[in-house]
Amino acid sequence: MQKIQSMLRVAVIFVITALLMGCGAVNKSSGKLYIVGMGTAPDLITVRGIKVIKNADIVLVHDPQGLKDWKGFIGSKEAWVFPRYNLLFLGVDPNTLEDPSEKALAQKLAAARYEIVNKIRYAVEQGKTVAILEGGDPMMYGETFYLEMLPKDFPSEIVPGVGAFQAASAAVKMSPPYGWDTNAVILTMEDSPGRVDTNEKLMDTATSMVFYTMHLDYPKLFTELKRHYPENTPVAIVCYAGDRKRQKVLTSTIGSFFDEVNLKDVPVDKHMLLVGKFLTVGQARKDGLASGRKFIEMMRYENRPRDED
């Protein structure tokens, strides 16, 4: 009980500190916070991302492995590691948890989040540039909670990267929005408790789907897919998307998937699943793109209105 009360005091201190710090504007000599998408492979970082890291005073990564993977960019800069585990219970009020051990853990992790955000704020107010390095693209299931915990006018910028969706699409050399008689793609991941847009509801459109495969229950997923898509619908697994040395594409269909793909050969946290007709039909369209004829004709240079001199 005494330990829990101590953790509560720590959490309260960080909350009060954050609120007090939020009362004043960041001073004029402040630096800036960046969240940088590092791409799915070290050579898929953008030119802008390289420039930001080069000028950064401090970098932050979410896994010690990041220090090794991006050593060439980080060099001898000051580096902080903020484990992803600290995001557990984000958005949950610890006081609503009945289990004492769960409540204590939620309070501890909340305090850790306030601590790292306050460290970032202090560094930026001292005129330093802080770069948070995100694998892939921070805007696709990335970690932008830092900005949500900082004042709206806090000097910050997100530099997008080449994410797994773009890299996986490039690997199969087909564009997911196309699909013969569909013209959209749904990006999703494993269903989670409380989610209203569950995957089977999304499947009802029978459009192209791309799954981020963290904790994905494949037997359950394919049972659902078979209820909404023909069994000959093509699927592809892309392993290590964007990595020229390790990238691998496994192709099959919804009906033959478990006969043709051995999931034991697939890296648990380094693959994407793509589903849809686009994998075989490419950009061919049911209407031959006739519905877009006027737009296409307008794109021809000779039919464009000339700019006035």
Protein backbone atom coordinates (compact mmCIF):
# COMPACT_ATOMS: atom_id res chain seq x y z
CA MET A 1 0.00 0.00 0.00
CA GLN A 2 2.82 2.36 0.89
CA LYS A 3 4.49 1.62 -2.45
CA ILE A 4 1.29 2.44 -4.35
CA GLN A 5 0.89 5.73 -2.46
CA SER A 6 4.49 6.62 -3.31
CA MET A 7 3.86 5.97 -7.01
CA LEU A 8 0.71 8.08 -6.82
CA ARG A 9 2.69 10.99 -5.40
CA VAL A 10 5.24 10.68 -8.22
CA ALA A 11 2.51 10.67 -10.86
CA VAL A 12 0.81 13.69 -9.29
CA ILE A 13 4.10 15.59 -9.20
CA PHE A 14 4.68 14.98 -12.91
CA VAL A 15 1.11 15.98 -13.78
CA ILE A 16 1.41 19.23 -11.81
CA THR A 17 4.83 19.92 -13.33
CA ALA A 18 3.47 19.41 -16.83
CA LEU A 19 0.50 21.68 -16.16
CA LEU A 20 2.69 24.41 -14.71
CA MET A 21 5.10 24.20 -17.61
CA GLY A 22 2.19 24.44 -20.01
CA CYS A 23 1.14 27.80 -18.61
CA GLY A 24 3.89 29.74 -20.30
CA ALA A 25 4.92 29.92 -23.94
CA VAL A 26 8.19 28.38 -25.07
CA ASN A 27 10.87 31.08 -25.01
CA LYS A 28 12.23 32.66 -28.16
CA SER A 29 15.58 30.88 -27.94
CA SER A 30 13.90 27.47 -28.01
CA GLY A 31 14.93 24.59 -30.19
CA LYS A 32 12.51 22.21 -31.83
CA LEU A 33 11.10 18.70 -31.51
CA TYR A 34 11.05 16.45 -34.57
CA ILE A 35 9.54 13.01 -35.06
CA VAL A 36 11.44 11.45 -37.94
CA GLY A 37 10.27 8.49 -40.03
CA MET A 38 13.35 6.33 -40.62
CA GLY A 39 11.87 4.14 -43.35
CA THR A 40 11.68 0.36 -43.28
CA ALA A 41 15.40 0.08 -44.13
CA PRO A 42 18.32 2.43 -43.33
CA ASP A 43 18.59 3.56 -46.96
CA LEU A 44 14.89 4.48 -47.16
CA ILE A 45 15.17 7.51 -44.89
CA THR A 46 14.31 10.77 -46.66
CA VAL A 47 16.76 13.56 -47.44
CA ARG A 48 14.83 15.80 -45.05
CA GLY A 49 15.11 13.20 -42.32
CA ILE A 50 18.89 12.98 -42.74
CA LYS A 51 19.20 16.77 -42.46
CA VAL A 52 17.09 16.87 -39.30
CA ILE A 53 19.13 14.17 -37.56
CA LYS A 54 22.39 15.81 -38.64
CA ASN A 55 21.33 19.05 -36.93
CA ALA A 56 19.83 17.38 -33.85
CA ASP A 57 21.46 17.69 -30.43
CA ILE A 58 19.57 14.75 -28.92
CA VAL A 59 17.97 11.68 -30.47
CA LEU A 60 15.39 9.40 -28.89
CA VAL A 61 14.71 5.78 -29.89
CA HIS A 62 12.14 3.27 -28.66
CA ASP A 63 14.40 0.23 -28.65
CA PRO A 64 18.12 -0.23 -27.96
CA GLN A 65 18.32 -1.95 -31.36
CA GLY A 66 17.60 1.41 -32.93
CA LEU A 67 20.91 2.69 -31.62
CA LYS A 68 22.61 -0.04 -33.66
CA ASP A 69 20.42 0.15 -36.77
CA TRP A 70 20.81 3.92 -37.09
CA LYS A 71 24.32 4.27 -35.66
CA GLY A 72 25.52 5.83 -38.90
CA PHE A 73 23.02 8.67 -38.50
CA ILE A 74 23.26 9.06 -34.71
CA GLY A 75 27.04 9.05 -34.39
CA SER A 76 28.16 10.44 -31.03
CA LYS A 77 24.99 12.45 -30.32
CA GLU A 78 23.31 12.25 -26.93
CA ALA A 79 20.77 9.42 -27.18
CA TRP A 80 17.80 8.50 -25.01
CA VAL A 81 15.93 5.20 -25.05
CA PHE A 82 12.23 5.28 -24.19
CA PRO A 83 10.85 1.70 -24.38
CA ARG A 84 7.56 1.13 -26.19
CA TYR A 85 6.39 -0.78 -23.13
CA ASN A 86 5.91 2.57 -21.42
CA LEU A 87 2.91 3.19 -23.68
CA LEU A 88 0.93 0.48 -21.90
CA PHE A 89 -2.26 1.92 -20.35
CA LEU A 90 -2.00 5.11 -22.43
CA GLY A 91 -5.44 6.70 -22.32
CA VAL A 92 -6.53 4.74 -19.24
CA ASP A 93 -7.18 6.49 -15.93
CA PRO A 94 -5.24 4.39 -13.38
CA ASN A 95 -7.92 5.11 -10.77
CA THR A 96 -10.44 3.12 -12.82
CA LEU A 97 -8.37 -0.06 -12.48
CA GLU A 98 -9.49 -2.34 -9.68
CA ASP A 99 -6.48 -4.68 -9.62
CA PRO A 100 -3.88 -3.08 -7.28
CA SER A 101 -0.92 -4.39 -9.29
CA GLU A 102 -2.41 -3.14 -12.58
CA LYS A 103 -3.17 0.24 -11.04
CA ALA A 104 0.38 0.53 -9.69
CA LEU A 105 1.84 -0.36 -13.09
CA ALA A 106 -0.43 2.14 -14.88
CA GLN A 107 0.66 4.88 -12.47
CA LYS A 108 4.31 4.00 -12.90
CA LEU A 109 4.12 4.09 -16.71
CA ALA A 110 2.11 7.33 -16.69
CA ALA A 111 4.85 8.89 -14.57
CA ALA A 112 7.47 7.61 -17.05
CA ARG A 113 5.62 9.26 -19.94
CA TYR A 114 5.40 12.59 -18.12
CA GLU A 115 9.07 12.35 -17.24
CA ILE A 116 10.24 11.86 -20.85
CA VAL A 117 7.90 14.56 -22.17
CA ASN A 118 9.19 17.01 -19.56
CA LYS A 119 12.77 16.11 -20.48
CA ILE A 120 11.99 16.87 -24.12
CA ARG A 121 10.32 20.14 -23.20
CA TYR A 122 13.22 21.25 -21.01
CA ALA A 123 15.76 20.42 -23.74
CA VAL A 124 13.81 22.33 -26.39
CA GLU A 125 13.42 25.34 -24.10
CA GLN A 126 17.18 25.32 -23.65
CA GLY A 127 17.50 25.80 -27.41
CA LYS A 128 18.22 22.18 -28.30
CA THR A 129 16.82 20.15 -31.18
CA VAL A 130 15.39 16.76 -30.23
CA ALA A 131 14.73 14.12 -32.89
CA ILE A 132 12.56 11.10 -32.09
CA LEU A 133 13.45 8.32 -34.54
CA GLU A 134 10.59 6.09 -35.71
CA GLY A 135 10.99 3.00 -37.87
CA GLY A 136 8.91 3.26 -41.04
CA ASP A 137 6.44 6.15 -40.97
CA PRO A 138 5.38 7.73 -37.63
CA MET A 139 1.93 8.47 -39.08
CA MET A 140 1.11 4.77 -39.55
CA TYR A 141 0.59 3.25 -36.09
CA GLY A 142 3.52 5.36 -34.88
CA GLU A 143 3.98 7.21 -31.62
CA THR A 144 2.83 10.80 -31.76
CA PHE A 145 1.60 10.87 -28.16
CA TYR A 146 4.49 13.20 -27.33
CA LEU A 147 2.82 15.99 -29.26
CA GLU A 148 -0.52 15.23 -27.63
CA MET A 149 1.04 15.79 -24.20
CA LEU A 150 2.72 19.07 -25.18
CA PRO A 151 1.13 22.50 -25.71
CA LYS A 152 -0.44 23.00 -29.13
CA ASP A 153 2.01 25.79 -29.94
CA PHE A 154 5.09 23.75 -28.99
CA PRO A 155 7.70 24.00 -31.78
CA SER A 156 7.51 20.65 -33.51
CA GLU A 157 7.46 18.94 -36.88
CA ILE A 158 6.84 15.42 -38.15
CA VAL A 159 9.03 14.23 -41.00
CA PRO A 160 7.24 11.32 -42.73
CA GLY A 161 9.19 8.27 -43.85
CA VAL A 162 8.79 5.41 -46.28
CA GLY A 163 6.47 3.15 -44.31
CA ALA A 164 5.66 -0.54 -44.52
CA PHE A 165 2.55 0.09 -46.65
CA GLN A 166 4.53 1.91 -49.33
CA ALA A 167 7.44 -0.53 -49.16
CA ALA A 168 5.20 -3.62 -49.33
CA SER A 169 3.25 -2.18 -52.27
CA ALA A 170 6.55 -1.55 -54.06
CA ALA A 171 7.66 -5.11 -53.32
CA VAL A 172 4.62 -6.65 -55.06
CA LYS A 173 4.87 -4.05 -57.86
CA MET A 174 1.13 -3.49 -57.80
CA SER A 175 -0.91 -0.50 -56.60
CA PRO A 176 -3.44 -1.49 -53.87
CA PRO A 177 -6.10 1.17 -54.67
CA TYR A 178 -6.75 -0.53 -58.02
CA GLY A 179 -8.89 -3.65 -58.01
CA TRP A 180 -10.84 -4.05 -61.26
CA ASP A 181 -14.17 -2.98 -59.79
CA THR A 182 -12.94 -1.31 -56.60
CA ASN A 183 -10.98 1.87 -56.13
CA ALA A 184 -9.85 1.97 -52.51
CA VAL A 185 -7.58 0.26 -50.01
CA ILE A 186 -8.20 -0.32 -46.29
CA LEU A 187 -5.22 -0.25 -43.92
CA THR A 188 -5.87 -2.10 -40.68
CA MET A 189 -4.46 -4.45 -38.06
CA GLU A 190 -5.63 -7.05 -35.54
CA ASP A 191 -8.97 -6.39 -33.88
CA SER A 192 -8.70 -5.01 -30.35
CA PRO A 193 -11.17 -4.86 -27.44
CA GLY A 194 -13.58 -1.95 -27.78
CA ARG A 195 -12.86 -1.37 -31.47
CA VAL A 196 -15.93 -0.55 -33.52
CA ASP A 197 -14.39 -0.87 -37.02
CA THR A 198 -13.61 -4.57 -36.68
CA ASN A 199 -11.95 -6.25 -39.65
CA GLU A 200 -14.97 -8.31 -40.66
CA LYS A 201 -17.06 -5.15 -40.90
CA LEU A 202 -14.38 -3.64 -43.13
CA MET A 203 -14.28 -6.77 -45.29
CA ASP A 204 -17.93 -6.28 -46.23
CA THR A 205 -16.82 -3.80 -48.92
CA ALA A 206 -14.71 -6.52 -50.61
CA THR A 207 -12.10 -3.91 -51.50
CA SER A 208 -8.31 -4.18 -51.24
CA MET A 209 -7.00 -4.65 -47.72
CA VAL A 210 -3.51 -4.31 -46.22
CA PHE A 211 -2.87 -5.68 -42.74
CA TYR A 212 -0.21 -4.56 -40.30
CA THR A 213 0.37 -7.95 -38.76
CA MET A 214 1.25 -7.28 -35.12
CA HIS A 215 -0.43 -10.05 -33.05
CA LEU A 216 -2.54 -11.05 -36.06
CA ASP A 217 -4.67 -14.18 -35.55
CA TYR A 218 -4.33 -15.77 -39.01
CA PRO A 219 -6.85 -18.64 -38.62
CA LYS A 220 -9.53 -16.24 -37.38
CA LEU A 221 -8.71 -13.68 -40.08
CA PHE A 222 -8.90 -16.12 -42.98
CA THR A 223 -12.14 -17.60 -41.67
CA GLU A 224 -13.56 -14.09 -41.90
CA LEU A 225 -12.01 -13.38 -45.31
CA LYS A 226 -13.64 -16.51 -46.76
CA ARG A 227 -17.05 -15.16 -45.78
CA HIS A 228 -16.56 -11.99 -47.84
CA TYR A 229 -14.12 -12.76 -50.67
CA PRO A 230 -13.99 -15.52 -53.30
CA GLU A 231 -11.47 -18.21 -52.36
CA ASN A 232 -9.40 -17.45 -55.48
CA THR A 233 -8.78 -13.87 -54.27
CA PRO A 234 -4.99 -13.36 -54.32
CA VAL A 235 -3.01 -12.59 -51.18
CA ALA A 236 0.64 -11.77 -50.58
CA ILE A 237 2.90 -11.68 -47.55
CA VAL A 238 5.84 -9.29 -47.79
CA CYS A 239 8.66 -9.99 -45.34
CA TYR A 240 11.16 -7.24 -44.46
CA ALA A 241 9.54 -4.79 -46.88
CA GLY A 242 12.06 -2.41 -48.41
CA ASP A 243 15.13 -4.32 -47.21
CA ARG A 244 17.02 -5.25 -50.39
CA LYS A 245 18.92 -8.09 -48.71
CA ARG A 246 16.07 -9.74 -46.78
CA GLN A 247 12.86 -8.77 -48.58
CA LYS A 248 10.76 -11.76 -49.62
CA VAL A 249 7.29 -12.02 -51.18
CA LEU A 250 5.05 -15.06 -50.63
CA THR A 251 1.96 -15.31 -52.83
CA SER A 252 -1.17 -17.45 -52.51
CA THR A 253 -4.96 -17.15 -52.42
CA ILE A 254 -7.48 -16.93 -49.62
CA GLY A 255 -8.54 -20.54 -50.18
CA SER A 256 -5.04 -22.06 -50.47
CA PHE A 257 -3.16 -19.88 -47.99
CA PHE A 258 -2.51 -22.43 -45.25
CA ASP A 259 -1.54 -25.11 -47.78
CA GLU A 260 0.97 -22.88 -49.56
CA VAL A 261 2.37 -20.61 -46.82
CA ASN A 262 4.27 -21.82 -43.77
CA LEU A 263 3.87 -19.09 -41.16
CA LYS A 264 6.82 -20.50 -39.24
CA ASP A 265 9.03 -19.12 -42.01
CA VAL A 266 7.54 -15.64 -41.65
CA PRO A 267 9.16 -13.10 -39.25
CA VAL A 268 6.58 -12.38 -36.56
CA ASP A 269 6.98 -8.58 -36.43
CA LYS A 270 8.49 -7.85 -39.84
CA HIS A 271 5.85 -8.65 -42.44
CA MET A 272 2.70 -7.27 -44.08
CA LEU A 273 -0.34 -9.06 -45.50
CA LEU A 274 -1.95 -7.76 -48.70
CA VAL A 275 -5.34 -8.98 -49.92
CA GLY A 276 -7.20 -8.15 -53.12
CA LYS A 277 -7.68 -8.46 -56.87
CA PHE A 278 -5.15 -5.70 -57.46
CA LEU A 279 -2.38 -8.26 -56.93
CA THR A 280 -3.22 -9.89 -60.27
CA VAL A 281 -5.30 -7.42 -62.31
CA GLY A 282 -2.96 -4.47 -61.84
CA GLN A 283 -4.44 -1.23 -63.16
CA ALA A 284 -6.96 -2.86 -65.50
CA ARG A 285 -10.45 -1.57 -64.77
CA LYS A 286 -13.88 -3.07 -65.27
CA ASP A 287 -15.00 0.04 -67.16
CA GLY A 288 -11.69 0.42 -68.99
CA LEU A 289 -11.31 3.73 -67.13
CA ALA A 290 -13.98 5.13 -69.49
CA SER A 291 -15.56 6.98 -66.57
CA GLY A 292 -12.39 9.03 -66.29
CA ARG A 293 -12.08 9.82 -69.99
CA LYS A 294 -12.84 13.51 -69.64
CA PHE A 295 -10.25 13.93 -66.90
CA ILE A 296 -7.61 12.05 -68.89
CA GLU A 297 -8.25 14.15 -71.98
CA MET A 298 -7.92 17.33 -69.93
CA MET A 299 -4.50 16.14 -68.76
CA ARG A 300 -3.17 16.15 -72.33
CA TYR A 301 -0.97 19.18 -72.78
CA GLU A 302 -2.50 20.35 -76.03
CA ASN A 303 -5.94 20.51 -74.40
CA ARG A 304 -4.83 22.44 -71.32
CA PRO A 305 -5.73 26.12 -71.07
CA ARG A 306 -2.63 28.21 -71.76
CA ASP A 307 -1.35 30.38 -68.93
CA GLU A 308 -1.86 34.04 -69.63
CA ASP A 309 1.27 35.95 -70.62
